[in-house]
Structure formats: structure tokens, C-alpha cells
Amino acid sequence: MAPTAYLSKSDYVYDDLKGRILREELPPGSAVNQEHIAEELGVSTTPLREALKRLGTEGLIILSSHRDARVPDLSVAEARSLFEVRLNLDPLAAGLAAERRDGLDIAAMRQATADLMPLSRLPEWGSLLAHREYHRAIYRASHNQVLIGILDGLWDKADRYRLRGLRNRQHPSKHQARVRDEHESIVAAVESGDAVQASRLMYAHVDRSVLREVITTLEGTPLHD
């Protein structure tokens, strides 16, 4: 039976499968053994198929016409596309947030910043969720629902690459102080209403992100000349 914390068995299966994909317990390119997973989780194929369809809409599963399912391969083209979108839209969100934030937004950003934990090579789920919530707080402060939807929709797909990059980092601790300072500086600029500074700091933050490093790793050449 699914834990009572979940609203449905489908939600339970979705959360479990998503975790396996992000942790690469279901590696890129692998087929999903649906019968085995359904038996292991103690559910029928109906909630499993519902979960797979949901993961498919997020780009974390590929479903074929024969009802087969597999995990998409990691791709330098997709990583670069995700990076390019974030490099342009995250700064836009930060700039708009500086112009439009209200008291509730400021409180949410402060709390999200306080809750941040350093991302290690094998980060805990709480660390990943806190990192996501930090960026979500800034997105929401932009008060642009289209922009919020686009950026939030990219997060799950980008996490596959983010986690691969963290695993490949040889000395992750050397990045942690810099990232912490960047997070605090961005929120300070948004809170002060300095849209130009908030946008500039967010651009630099994304440009130095682990997603950028993953592109270099996947293609074997530097991202910039």
C-alpha cells in the first residue's frame, strides 16, 4: 500500500520513479520494467501507467506506442538548450522580481535563502528541494505567470543534468561558499529593488552553474572559446 502521506497510489509511484530516474537508479537509456516495479511497489499497472504518463509530460520518460517506457538519454543538445533558456530567463525573472516584489515575496525569499543547504556530490533530497524553492521564490516574485510556468517546468528535466554534474565535481566544497554568497547577493538586490543588479547577479550565477559544467563534460570541449 502507498504511504498515507500521498493523495493517491499514482502520486506515490510517480515520486518513487522520479527519484530513481534522478538518482540514475534507472539510468539514461534504460527500459522501465513495469511489471517488476509494480510488484516491488505493491501497486497495479494502472497507477504505474498514470505515473509514467505524468513523467512523460515532464520529459523524464519516453512512452512508445507499444506501451514500452524508457528513460531518455542525456544529451549535450538538451543540456545546452536548458542552459541557454535559463541563462536568459532567470535574469529576467530576477529583474522583474526586483521591480514587483511585495512583502510576502521578500519573506518567502528570505526563508528560502535561510533553508538552503550546500549541494554535495550526492545531495540529499532536502538539499535539492531547498535549492529549487529558492529559485521558485524569485520566480514567483516576478508576478509573471507565463515566465513562472516556463522556468518551473524546466526544473525536473534540468535536475537530471544538475545531479550528473554534481557527481562529476571533484571538489564540490570549493564551490559552496561562492554559491551561498551568490544566493544571498541576488536576494539582497531583489529586496532593494535594484533590477539591473539582480539581473546581472542572476546571469553570473547561472553562467557558473553546474549545468554549464555538465555541457563541457558531455561534449568534451569548453563551452566558450
Protein backbone atom coordinates (compact mmCIF):
# COMPACT_ATOMS: atom_id res chain seq x y z
CA MET A 1 0.00 0.00 0.00
CA ALA A 2 1.10 3.55 -0.68
CA PRO A 3 2.05 5.70 2.31
CA THR A 4 -0.88 7.71 3.65
CA ALA A 5 1.05 10.96 3.05
CA TYR A 6 0.34 10.55 -0.67
CA LEU A 7 -3.03 11.52 -2.10
CA SER A 8 -3.06 8.53 -4.45
CA LYS A 9 -1.08 5.47 -5.42
CA SER A 10 -0.24 7.23 -8.67
CA ASP A 11 1.41 10.08 -6.73
CA TYR A 12 3.37 7.54 -4.69
CA VAL A 13 4.60 5.71 -7.80
CA TYR A 14 5.38 8.99 -9.57
CA ASP A 15 7.53 10.21 -6.68
CA ASP A 16 9.35 6.88 -6.41
CA LEU A 17 10.08 6.63 -10.15
CA LYS A 18 11.16 10.23 -10.39
CA GLY A 19 13.64 9.67 -7.59
CA ARG A 20 15.04 6.58 -9.30
CA ILE A 21 15.49 8.50 -12.55
CA LEU A 22 17.20 11.48 -10.94
CA ARG A 23 19.48 9.24 -8.86
CA GLU A 24 20.17 7.19 -12.02
CA GLU A 25 18.96 4.00 -10.37
CA LEU A 26 17.07 3.92 -13.65
CA PRO A 27 19.99 5.01 -15.85
CA PRO A 28 19.66 7.15 -19.00
CA GLY A 29 18.62 4.97 -21.93
CA SER A 30 17.33 2.12 -19.75
CA ALA A 31 13.97 0.40 -20.19
CA VAL A 32 11.46 0.51 -17.34
CA ASN A 33 10.47 -2.99 -16.25
CA GLN A 34 6.88 -2.12 -15.43
CA GLU A 35 5.82 -5.49 -14.05
CA HIS A 36 8.83 -5.65 -11.74
CA ILE A 37 8.35 -2.10 -10.43
CA ALA A 38 4.60 -2.56 -9.92
CA GLU A 39 5.27 -5.74 -7.93
CA GLU A 40 8.07 -4.10 -5.95
CA LEU A 41 5.89 -1.11 -5.03
CA GLY A 42 2.82 -3.24 -4.38
CA VAL A 43 0.59 -1.50 -6.91
CA SER A 44 -1.30 -2.47 -10.05
CA THR A 45 -0.27 -1.36 -13.51
CA THR A 46 -2.95 1.38 -13.57
CA PRO A 47 -1.27 3.82 -11.13
CA LEU A 48 2.08 2.90 -12.66
CA ARG A 49 0.88 3.87 -16.15
CA GLU A 50 -0.60 7.10 -14.78
CA ALA A 51 2.74 7.94 -13.17
CA LEU A 52 4.64 7.12 -16.36
CA LYS A 53 2.36 9.39 -18.40
CA ARG A 54 2.96 12.22 -15.96
CA LEU A 55 6.72 11.67 -16.13
CA GLY A 56 6.41 11.59 -19.91
CA THR A 57 4.89 15.09 -19.97
CA GLU A 58 7.90 16.28 -17.96
CA GLY A 59 10.38 14.70 -20.37
CA LEU A 60 11.66 12.20 -17.82
CA ILE A 61 10.17 9.14 -19.56
CA ILE A 62 9.63 8.22 -23.21
CA LEU A 63 6.49 6.18 -23.86
CA SER A 64 6.17 4.24 -27.12
CA SER A 65 3.03 3.22 -28.98
CA HIS A 66 3.66 -0.32 -27.73
CA ARG A 67 3.35 0.88 -24.11
CA ASP A 68 7.05 0.40 -23.56
CA ALA A 69 8.77 3.01 -21.41
CA ARG A 70 12.38 4.07 -21.16
CA VAL A 71 14.45 6.79 -19.60
CA PRO A 72 15.72 9.35 -22.14
CA ASP A 73 19.43 9.52 -22.77
CA LEU A 74 21.33 12.54 -21.53
CA SER A 75 22.08 14.83 -24.44
CA VAL A 76 24.52 17.70 -24.83
CA ALA A 77 21.98 19.36 -27.14
CA GLU A 78 19.27 19.23 -24.46
CA ALA A 79 21.67 20.35 -21.74
CA ARG A 80 22.74 23.31 -23.85
CA SER A 81 19.13 24.20 -24.63
CA LEU A 82 18.19 24.13 -20.94
CA PHE A 83 21.22 26.23 -20.09
CA GLU A 84 20.50 28.80 -22.80
CA VAL A 85 16.89 29.24 -21.69
CA ARG A 86 17.83 29.61 -18.04
CA LEU A 87 20.70 31.95 -18.82
CA ASN A 88 18.23 34.33 -20.44
CA LEU A 89 15.04 33.82 -18.44
CA ASP A 90 16.36 33.53 -14.87
CA PRO A 91 17.91 37.03 -15.06
CA LEU A 92 14.64 38.33 -16.50
CA ALA A 93 12.74 36.82 -13.57
CA ALA A 94 15.19 38.32 -11.06
CA GLY A 95 14.92 41.76 -12.66
CA LEU A 96 11.13 41.66 -12.67
CA ALA A 97 11.16 40.40 -9.08
CA ALA A 98 13.18 43.44 -8.03
CA GLU A 99 10.57 45.69 -9.63
CA ARG A 100 7.44 43.86 -8.44
CA ARG A 101 8.19 42.03 -5.19
CA ASP A 102 5.95 42.66 -2.22
CA GLY A 103 6.29 41.95 1.47
CA LEU A 104 5.18 38.34 1.17
CA ASP A 105 7.66 37.73 -1.66
CA ILE A 106 10.51 39.18 0.41
CA ALA A 107 9.60 36.97 3.37
CA ALA A 108 9.46 33.89 1.12
CA MET A 109 12.85 34.67 -0.45
CA ARG A 110 14.45 35.27 2.94
CA GLN A 111 13.07 31.97 4.27
CA ALA A 112 14.14 30.07 1.15
CA THR A 113 17.66 31.52 1.47
CA ALA A 114 17.83 30.55 5.15
CA ASP A 115 16.73 27.00 4.30
CA LEU A 116 19.42 26.43 1.68
CA MET A 117 21.89 23.62 2.25
CA PRO A 118 25.15 23.05 0.34
CA LEU A 119 24.87 20.68 -2.63
CA SER A 120 27.33 17.81 -2.28
CA ARG A 121 28.29 15.23 -4.89
CA LEU A 122 25.43 13.04 -3.63
CA PRO A 123 22.98 15.60 -2.27
CA GLU A 124 20.09 14.74 0.00
CA TRP A 125 16.61 15.33 -1.39
CA GLY A 126 16.07 18.08 1.13
CA SER A 127 19.05 19.98 -0.26
CA LEU A 128 17.73 19.72 -3.82
CA LEU A 129 14.23 20.79 -2.82
CA ALA A 130 15.59 23.76 -0.87
CA HIS A 131 17.63 24.85 -3.88
CA ARG A 132 14.58 24.58 -6.10
CA GLU A 133 12.42 26.51 -3.63
CA TYR A 134 14.97 29.33 -3.54
CA HIS A 135 14.67 29.85 -7.29
CA ARG A 136 10.90 29.37 -7.18
CA ALA A 137 10.61 32.18 -4.63
CA ILE A 138 12.38 34.53 -7.04
CA TYR A 139 10.30 33.33 -9.99
CA ARG A 140 7.07 33.92 -8.07
CA ALA A 141 8.19 37.40 -7.07
CA SER A 142 8.27 38.33 -10.77
CA HIS A 143 4.46 38.08 -10.81
CA ASN A 144 4.64 36.93 -14.44
CA GLN A 145 2.70 33.67 -14.58
CA VAL A 146 3.92 32.70 -18.07
CA LEU A 147 7.55 33.14 -17.04
CA ILE A 148 6.99 31.29 -13.76
CA GLY A 149 5.41 28.36 -15.61
CA ILE A 150 8.23 28.12 -18.16
CA LEU A 151 11.04 28.19 -15.59
CA ASP A 152 9.33 25.89 -13.12
CA GLY A 153 8.60 23.44 -15.93
CA LEU A 154 12.29 23.19 -16.79
CA TRP A 155 13.41 22.24 -13.31
CA ASP A 156 12.77 18.48 -13.30
CA LYS A 157 14.46 17.95 -16.63
CA ALA A 158 17.42 20.14 -15.63
CA ASP A 159 17.81 18.20 -12.37
CA ARG A 160 19.00 15.11 -14.30
CA TYR A 161 21.90 17.14 -15.64
CA ARG A 162 22.46 19.01 -12.39
CA LEU A 163 22.84 15.77 -10.46
CA ARG A 164 25.18 14.29 -13.07
CA GLY A 165 27.32 17.44 -12.82
CA LEU A 166 27.43 17.29 -9.03
CA ARG A 167 28.58 13.67 -9.17
CA ASN A 168 31.38 14.63 -11.54
CA ARG A 169 32.64 17.52 -9.41
CA GLN A 170 35.98 16.62 -7.86
CA HIS A 171 35.98 19.28 -5.14
CA PRO A 172 32.38 20.37 -4.60
CA SER A 173 33.13 22.13 -1.31
CA LYS A 174 35.17 24.81 -3.09
CA HIS A 175 32.00 25.96 -4.89
CA GLN A 176 29.76 26.06 -1.83
CA ALA A 177 30.89 29.38 -0.30
CA ARG A 178 30.66 31.12 -3.68
CA VAL A 179 27.20 29.76 -4.37
CA ARG A 180 26.00 30.77 -0.89
CA ASP A 181 27.27 34.33 -1.42
CA GLU A 182 25.61 34.47 -4.84
CA HIS A 183 22.27 33.37 -3.42
CA GLU A 184 22.39 35.98 -0.68
CA SER A 185 23.51 38.76 -3.05
CA ILE A 186 20.72 38.06 -5.54
CA VAL A 187 18.03 38.21 -2.87
CA ALA A 188 19.55 41.40 -1.42
CA ALA A 189 19.40 43.04 -4.88
CA VAL A 190 15.80 41.92 -5.39
CA GLU A 191 14.80 43.14 -1.95
CA SER A 192 16.45 46.54 -2.52
CA GLY A 193 14.59 46.94 -5.82
CA ASP A 194 17.74 47.07 -7.96
CA ALA A 195 16.53 45.30 -11.11
CA VAL A 196 19.75 45.81 -13.07
CA GLN A 197 21.92 44.37 -10.30
CA ALA A 198 19.53 41.48 -9.61
CA SER A 199 19.52 40.53 -13.29
CA ARG A 200 23.29 40.82 -13.57
CA LEU A 201 23.93 38.71 -10.49
CA MET A 202 21.47 36.02 -11.61
CA TYR A 203 23.10 35.86 -15.05
CA ALA A 204 26.52 35.28 -13.45
CA HIS A 205 25.02 32.70 -11.08
CA VAL A 206 23.51 30.63 -13.91
CA ASP A 207 26.62 31.07 -16.07
CA ARG A 208 28.74 29.49 -13.31
CA SER A 209 26.21 26.78 -12.51
CA VAL A 210 26.74 23.03 -12.53
CA LEU A 211 24.52 22.83 -15.62
CA ARG A 212 27.18 24.75 -17.53
CA GLU A 213 29.84 22.32 -16.30
CA VAL A 214 27.80 19.34 -17.48
CA ILE A 215 27.73 20.68 -21.04
CA THR A 216 31.51 20.83 -21.02
CA THR A 217 31.68 17.26 -19.70
CA LEU A 218 29.18 15.87 -22.22
CA GLU A 219 30.71 17.47 -25.27
CA GLY A 220 34.32 17.19 -24.12
CA THR A 221 35.16 20.77 -25.12
CA PRO A 222 34.88 24.14 -23.37
CA LEU A 223 31.52 25.86 -23.63
CA HIS A 224 33.09 29.18 -24.60
CA ASP A 225 36.12 29.89 -26.76
